[in-house]
Protein backbone atom coordinates (compact mmCIF):
# COMPACT_ATOMS: atom_id res chain seq x y z
CA UNK A 1 65.10 -20.70 28.96
CA UNK A 2 65.73 -23.91 27.01
CA UNK A 3 64.27 -24.29 23.53
CA UNK A 4 64.67 -27.70 21.96
CA UNK A 5 62.96 -28.78 18.75
CA UNK A 6 62.10 -32.20 17.36
CA UNK A 7 62.27 -31.99 13.57
CA UNK A 8 60.06 -34.56 11.82
CA UNK A 9 60.97 -35.65 8.29
CA UNK A 10 58.81 -38.21 6.42
CA UNK A 11 60.87 -39.94 3.74
CA UNK A 12 59.48 -41.50 0.58
CA UNK A 13 61.56 -42.01 -2.55
CA UNK A 14 63.86 -39.14 -1.59
CA UNK A 15 67.27 -40.80 -1.28
CA UNK A 16 69.09 -38.11 -3.24
CA UNK A 17 67.64 -35.22 -1.25
CA UNK A 18 67.27 -36.39 2.36
CA UNK A 19 70.95 -35.91 3.39
CA UNK A 20 70.71 -32.18 2.67
CA UNK A 21 67.37 -31.96 4.50
CA UNK A 22 68.82 -33.67 7.58
CA UNK A 23 72.02 -31.62 7.60
CA UNK A 24 70.07 -28.36 7.20
CA UNK A 25 68.04 -29.29 10.30
CA UNK A 26 71.10 -30.34 12.31
CA UNK A 27 72.75 -27.01 11.45
CA UNK A 28 70.15 -25.22 13.59
CA UNK A 29 71.34 -24.86 17.22
CA UNK A 30 67.77 -25.42 18.46
CA UNK A 31 67.41 -28.85 16.81
CA UNK A 32 67.61 -31.49 19.55
CA UNK A 33 66.61 -34.41 17.35
CA UNK A 34 65.74 -35.24 13.78
CA UNK A 35 63.19 -38.02 13.36
CA UNK A 36 63.26 -39.74 9.97
CA UNK A 37 60.22 -41.86 9.11
CA UNK A 38 61.08 -44.07 6.15
CA UNK A 39 57.79 -44.86 4.43
CA UNK A 40 58.46 -48.01 2.41
CA UNK A 41 60.29 -46.27 -0.43
CA UNK A 42 61.00 -48.16 -3.68
CA UNK A 43 64.39 -46.44 -4.03
CA UNK A 44 67.32 -46.74 -1.61
CA UNK A 45 65.95 -44.21 0.88
CA UNK A 46 66.10 -46.75 3.70
CA UNK A 47 69.82 -47.38 3.34
CA UNK A 48 70.50 -43.63 3.08
CA UNK A 49 68.46 -43.01 6.25
CA UNK A 50 70.31 -45.80 8.05
CA UNK A 51 73.64 -44.20 7.17
CA UNK A 52 72.41 -40.81 8.45
CA UNK A 53 71.16 -42.34 11.71
CA UNK A 54 74.53 -44.03 12.25
CA UNK A 55 76.48 -40.89 11.37
CA UNK A 56 74.60 -38.38 13.55
CA UNK A 57 73.70 -38.94 17.20
CA UNK A 58 70.68 -36.62 16.94
CA UNK A 59 69.11 -38.57 14.06
CA UNK A 60 66.54 -41.29 14.81
CA UNK A 61 65.08 -43.61 12.20
CA UNK A 62 61.53 -44.99 12.42
CA UNK A 63 59.53 -47.20 10.08
CA UNK A 64 55.96 -48.46 9.94
CA UNK A 65 55.38 -52.09 10.96
CA UNK A 66 56.59 -54.44 8.25
CA UNK A 67 58.17 -51.54 6.38
CA UNK A 68 54.77 -50.62 4.94
CA UNK A 69 54.04 -47.51 2.89
CA UNK A 70 51.35 -45.57 4.78
CA UNK A 71 51.67 -42.05 3.39
CA UNK A 72 52.81 -38.67 4.65
CA UNK A 73 50.09 -38.27 7.31
CA UNK A 74 50.79 -41.59 9.01
CA UNK A 75 54.53 -40.94 8.82
CA UNK A 76 54.28 -37.49 10.40
CA UNK A 77 51.94 -38.91 13.04
CA UNK A 78 54.48 -41.59 13.92
CA UNK A 79 57.10 -38.89 14.24
CA UNK A 80 54.88 -36.77 16.49
CA UNK A 81 54.13 -39.77 18.70
CA UNK A 82 57.85 -40.37 19.26
CA UNK A 83 58.99 -36.74 19.55
CA UNK A 84 60.87 -36.21 22.82
CA UNK A 85 60.98 -32.41 23.02
CA UNK A 86 58.51 -29.61 23.76
CA UNK A 87 58.59 -28.03 20.30
CA UNK A 88 57.93 -29.71 16.97
CA UNK A 89 58.77 -28.63 13.44
CA UNK A 90 58.31 -30.36 10.11
CA UNK A 91 60.45 -30.69 7.04
CA UNK A 92 59.84 -32.62 3.83
CA UNK A 93 62.70 -34.87 2.77
CA UNK A 94 63.27 -32.96 -0.47
CA UNK A 95 63.23 -29.51 1.15
CA UNK A 96 65.74 -27.78 3.42
CA UNK A 97 66.00 -25.20 6.19
CA UNK A 98 67.89 -21.96 5.81
CA UNK A 99 70.35 -20.73 8.49
CA UNK A 100 68.54 -19.17 11.45
CA UNK A 101 65.40 -21.25 10.85
CA UNK A 102 64.24 -21.00 14.49
CA UNK A 103 65.72 -17.67 15.59
CA UNK A 104 62.53 -15.61 15.30
CA UNK A 105 60.08 -18.33 16.33
CA UNK A 106 62.22 -19.13 19.37
CA UNK A 107 62.13 -15.51 20.58
CA UNK A 108 58.36 -15.29 20.10
CA UNK A 109 57.55 -18.59 21.79
CA UNK A 110 59.82 -17.89 24.76
CA UNK A 111 58.65 -14.29 25.25
CA UNK A 112 54.92 -15.04 24.89
CA UNK A 113 53.77 -17.98 27.04
CA UNK A 114 50.30 -17.79 25.47
CA UNK A 115 51.68 -18.45 21.98
CA UNK A 116 51.17 -22.05 20.81
CA UNK A 117 53.02 -21.80 17.51
CA UNK A 118 54.73 -19.55 14.98
CA UNK A 119 54.31 -19.65 11.20
CA UNK A 120 56.93 -18.34 8.77
CA UNK A 121 57.61 -18.05 5.06
CA UNK A 122 58.73 -20.75 2.65
CA UNK A 123 60.71 -19.99 -0.48
CA UNK A 124 61.17 -22.01 -3.64
CA UNK A 125 64.11 -23.51 -5.52
CA UNK A 126 63.77 -25.10 -8.95
CA UNK A 127 66.00 -28.13 -9.33
CA UNK A 128 66.03 -27.83 -13.12
CA UNK A 129 64.49 -25.94 -16.02
CA UNK A 130 62.23 -28.91 -16.68
CA UNK A 131 61.02 -28.88 -13.07
CA UNK A 132 60.31 -25.15 -13.29
CA UNK A 133 58.35 -25.59 -16.52
CA UNK A 134 56.29 -28.38 -14.97
CA UNK A 135 55.55 -26.14 -11.97
CA UNK A 136 54.63 -23.15 -14.15
CA UNK A 137 52.26 -25.33 -16.19
CA UNK A 138 50.49 -26.69 -13.10
CA UNK A 139 47.79 -25.26 -10.82
CA UNK A 140 50.67 -24.22 -8.51
CA UNK A 141 52.06 -21.73 -11.05
CA UNK A 142 51.08 -18.63 -9.04
CA UNK A 143 52.98 -19.80 -5.95
CA UNK A 144 56.35 -18.14 -5.36
CA UNK A 145 56.92 -17.55 -1.66
CA UNK A 146 54.44 -19.39 0.53
CA UNK A 147 53.52 -16.96 3.29
CA UNK A 148 50.86 -14.85 4.97
CA UNK A 149 51.01 -11.45 3.29
CA UNK A 150 49.76 -9.33 6.17
CA UNK A 151 49.55 -9.36 9.95
CA UNK A 152 46.53 -11.37 11.06
CA UNK A 153 45.34 -11.46 14.70
CA UNK A 154 45.42 -15.09 15.93
CA UNK A 155 41.67 -15.09 16.62
CA UNK A 156 41.04 -14.26 12.94
CA UNK A 157 43.63 -16.62 11.44
CA UNK A 158 41.31 -19.58 10.96
CA UNK A 159 38.73 -17.55 9.05
CA UNK A 160 41.42 -15.91 6.92
CA UNK A 161 43.04 -19.24 6.02
CA UNK A 162 39.70 -20.79 5.06
CA UNK A 163 38.41 -17.83 3.04
CA UNK A 164 41.76 -16.80 1.57
CA UNK A 165 42.83 -13.34 0.57
CA UNK A 166 46.07 -13.00 2.51
CA UNK A 167 48.01 -16.09 1.50
CA UNK A 168 48.75 -19.16 3.57
CA UNK A 169 51.71 -20.88 5.17
CA UNK A 170 53.31 -24.29 4.73
CA UNK A 171 53.55 -26.86 7.48
CA UNK A 172 57.33 -26.74 6.94
CA UNK A 173 57.30 -23.11 8.06
CA UNK A 174 55.45 -23.92 11.30
CA UNK A 175 56.97 -24.38 14.78
CA UNK A 176 54.54 -25.77 17.33
CA UNK A 177 54.34 -26.47 21.01
CA UNK A 178 53.72 -30.16 21.51
CA UNK A 179 50.72 -29.25 23.69
CA UNK A 180 49.01 -27.59 20.69
CA UNK A 181 49.05 -30.89 18.83
CA UNK A 182 47.27 -32.57 21.73
CA UNK A 183 44.45 -30.03 21.24
CA UNK A 184 44.10 -30.44 17.48
CA UNK A 185 44.95 -34.12 17.19
CA UNK A 186 47.23 -35.83 14.71
CA UNK A 187 46.92 -35.69 10.94
CA UNK A 188 43.97 -37.30 9.18
CA UNK A 189 45.42 -40.47 7.65
CA UNK A 190 42.40 -40.89 5.36
CA UNK A 191 43.46 -37.82 3.38
CA UNK A 192 46.08 -38.46 0.70
CA UNK A 193 46.08 -34.87 -0.59
CA UNK A 194 45.82 -31.63 1.39
CA UNK A 195 46.29 -33.50 4.68
CA UNK A 196 48.69 -30.80 5.87
CA UNK A 197 46.14 -28.07 5.04
CA UNK A 198 43.48 -29.83 7.11
CA UNK A 199 45.99 -30.11 9.97
CA UNK A 200 46.83 -26.39 9.76
CA UNK A 201 43.12 -25.49 9.77
CA UNK A 202 42.56 -27.55 12.91
CA UNK A 203 45.60 -26.14 14.66
CA UNK A 204 44.55 -22.57 13.83
CA UNK A 205 41.02 -23.27 15.14
CA UNK A 206 42.15 -24.28 18.63
CA UNK A 207 45.64 -22.81 19.11
CA UNK A 208 47.10 -19.31 19.25
CA UNK A 209 49.42 -18.96 16.28
CA UNK A 210 51.54 -15.87 15.66
CA UNK A 211 53.52 -14.71 12.62
CA UNK A 212 57.28 -14.93 12.65
CA UNK A 213 59.46 -14.07 9.68
CA UNK A 214 56.88 -13.72 6.88
CA UNK A 215 58.72 -11.38 4.51
CA UNK A 216 61.60 -13.73 3.74
CA UNK A 217 61.84 -17.52 3.85
CA UNK A 218 63.20 -19.70 6.64
CA UNK A 219 62.76 -22.90 4.64
CA UNK A 220 63.02 -23.77 0.94
CA UNK A 221 60.68 -25.93 -1.12
CA UNK A 222 62.68 -27.84 -3.69
CA UNK A 223 60.77 -28.28 -6.95
CA UNK A 224 61.89 -31.27 -8.99
CA UNK A 225 60.41 -33.53 -11.63
CA UNK A 226 58.86 -35.94 -9.13
CA UNK A 227 56.98 -33.41 -6.96
CA UNK A 228 53.57 -34.87 -6.22
CA UNK A 229 51.74 -31.56 -5.85
CA UNK A 230 52.66 -30.30 -9.33
CA UNK A 231 51.72 -33.48 -11.17
CA UNK A 232 48.96 -32.91 -13.74
CA UNK A 233 45.46 -33.51 -12.35
CA UNK A 234 42.09 -33.11 -13.98
CA UNK A 235 39.67 -30.45 -12.75
CA UNK A 236 37.47 -33.26 -11.49
CA UNK A 237 40.31 -34.79 -9.46
CA UNK A 238 41.34 -31.40 -8.05
CA UNK A 239 37.73 -30.78 -6.99
CA UNK A 240 37.38 -34.23 -5.40
CA UNK A 241 40.62 -33.92 -3.43
CA UNK A 242 39.83 -30.45 -2.14
CA UNK A 243 36.23 -31.25 -1.29
CA UNK A 244 37.33 -34.35 0.62
CA UNK A 245 39.62 -32.14 2.66
CA UNK A 246 36.92 -29.53 3.31
CA UNK A 247 34.47 -32.19 4.45
CA UNK A 248 37.08 -33.77 6.74
CA UNK A 249 37.78 -30.41 8.40
CA UNK A 250 34.04 -29.74 8.68
CA UNK A 251 33.35 -33.08 10.38
CA UNK A 252 36.18 -32.50 12.85
CA UNK A 253 34.78 -29.08 13.77
CA UNK A 254 31.38 -30.65 14.42
CA UNK A 255 33.00 -33.19 16.74
CA UNK A 256 34.78 -30.39 18.60
CA UNK A 257 31.56 -28.35 18.83
CA UNK A 258 33.25 -25.31 17.28
CA UNK A 259 30.10 -23.70 15.89
CA UNK A 260 31.56 -20.50 14.46
CA UNK A 261 34.37 -22.30 12.65
CA UNK A 262 31.95 -24.99 11.48
CA UNK A 263 29.76 -22.38 9.79
CA UNK A 264 32.79 -20.74 8.14
CA UNK A 265 33.88 -24.04 6.59
CA UNK A 266 30.34 -25.02 5.56
CA UNK A 267 29.97 -21.73 3.75
CA UNK A 268 33.34 -22.35 2.07
CA UNK A 269 32.11 -25.78 0.92
CA UNK A 270 29.05 -24.15 -0.67
CA UNK A 271 31.05 -21.42 -2.37
CA UNK A 272 33.67 -23.85 -3.65
CA UNK A 273 30.98 -26.18 -4.99
CA UNK A 274 29.09 -23.33 -6.63
CA UNK A 275 32.22 -22.19 -8.43
CA UNK A 276 34.21 -25.36 -9.14
CA UNK A 277 32.14 -28.55 -9.09
CA UNK A 278 32.46 -30.26 -12.51
CA UNK A 279 29.16 -30.45 -14.37
CA UNK A 280 28.03 -33.88 -15.58
CA UNK A 281 27.35 -32.86 -19.19
CA UNK A 282 29.42 -30.68 -21.52
CA UNK A 283 26.38 -28.77 -22.77
CA UNK A 284 25.79 -27.50 -19.22
CA UNK A 285 28.95 -25.41 -19.46
CA UNK A 286 27.09 -23.21 -21.97
CA UNK A 287 24.29 -22.42 -19.54
CA UNK A 288 24.14 -18.95 -17.95
CA UNK A 289 26.33 -18.66 -14.83
CA UNK A 290 23.35 -18.62 -12.47
CA UNK A 291 21.99 -21.90 -13.86
CA UNK A 292 25.42 -23.50 -13.60
CA UNK A 293 25.69 -22.44 -9.98
CA UNK A 294 22.21 -23.71 -9.15
CA UNK A 295 22.95 -27.05 -10.82
CA UNK A 296 26.22 -27.49 -8.95
CA UNK A 297 24.59 -26.81 -5.59
CA UNK A 298 21.73 -29.15 -6.43
CA UNK A 299 24.19 -31.92 -7.21
CA UNK A 300 26.02 -31.34 -3.93
CA UNK A 301 23.13 -33.05 -2.17
CA UNK A 302 24.14 -36.39 -3.71
CA UNK A 303 27.74 -36.28 -2.44
CA UNK A 304 26.97 -34.51 0.85
CA UNK A 305 23.35 -35.38 1.88
CA UNK A 306 23.48 -33.57 5.22
CA UNK A 307 23.38 -30.21 3.40
CA UNK A 308 19.63 -30.78 3.01
CA UNK A 309 19.20 -29.93 6.71
CA UNK A 310 21.32 -26.78 6.69
CA UNK A 311 19.61 -23.39 6.46
CA UNK A 312 22.75 -21.91 4.94
CA UNK A 313 22.47 -24.36 2.04
CA UNK A 314 18.93 -23.27 1.20
CA UNK A 315 19.82 -19.62 1.71
CA UNK A 316 22.64 -20.03 -0.79
CA UNK A 317 20.37 -21.84 -3.25
CA UNK A 318 17.65 -19.19 -3.14
CA UNK A 319 20.15 -16.34 -3.36
CA UNK A 320 20.81 -17.33 -6.97
CA UNK A 321 18.46 -15.17 -9.02
CA UNK A 322 17.29 -17.56 -11.72
CA UNK A 323 14.07 -15.84 -12.78
CA UNK A 324 15.65 -12.62 -14.18
CA UNK A 325 18.09 -14.74 -16.19
CA UNK A 326 15.31 -17.03 -17.41
CA UNK A 327 13.15 -14.06 -18.41
CA UNK A 328 16.04 -12.36 -20.19
CA UNK A 329 16.82 -15.46 -22.23
CA UNK A 330 13.15 -16.04 -22.92
CA UNK A 331 12.90 -12.60 -24.52
CA UNK A 332 15.80 -13.46 -26.80
CA UNK A 333 13.90 -16.49 -28.07
CA UNK A 334 10.67 -14.61 -28.76
């Protein structure tokens, strides 16, 4: 049975890395085409991509109208729209595949007609000591190999990914049937951070995804000084970006009428807010934990008004036991 993959590579400011990414994809026997989407880079990425497209018959080069910069989501979407083969895989321009990238996923997808996609592990390579230090000092410091740490039944994958506890997988470790993308839709171009996470959530909600090689990597994340994800961000910015993603996923689930998944994500929004929402005044950080949680949830109403009509919101609010804390602190005063 034939197994041909379209590998989609968005390219932005990655002139020095993209040749290795392309050649690592072409080295896989299953790669039928590599689609480069040059995203209006300020460096010489365009000329490098043009050389690669001229050199290799399997490489196609696309750009947005007018050579605009539209971001990773729009670039991957353009690639998916133009993909000519039944299976799709992704690769960032500064990352690279390892030999045998599709060996396991190919066997699973061919042997199990009900399987819509296979997720596998992603390793890490530090380009320099400075890049490693920057990574270790960021919120990504705990990440080594990006993978699912245990076998998860496909019907439980969505809940596990949302709630955490068993790791997660990168979009670059995912091989998908093209038909699965038609179920979940393309990437949300309004998201500038975590757009791939939202896409993975949606795919896992409607498609049957199975684990492939999760104990060792099939693709390598290259960490260098310009990595966007490890750039310093304030706690407020991290919260805003993640909450925007959660709300986008939640709204999509409502549109799809996926009630169970909708409730799982809404509960995640509440728990994330209760734990991580920045408080407006410094003195509030000295309040007892229960008061901080109650304040955060109360403030959620202003950024997400529809919570007012959700029973789960009020259940979460009233589950915070304020009176015992208030009484305990009152005794200390008197």
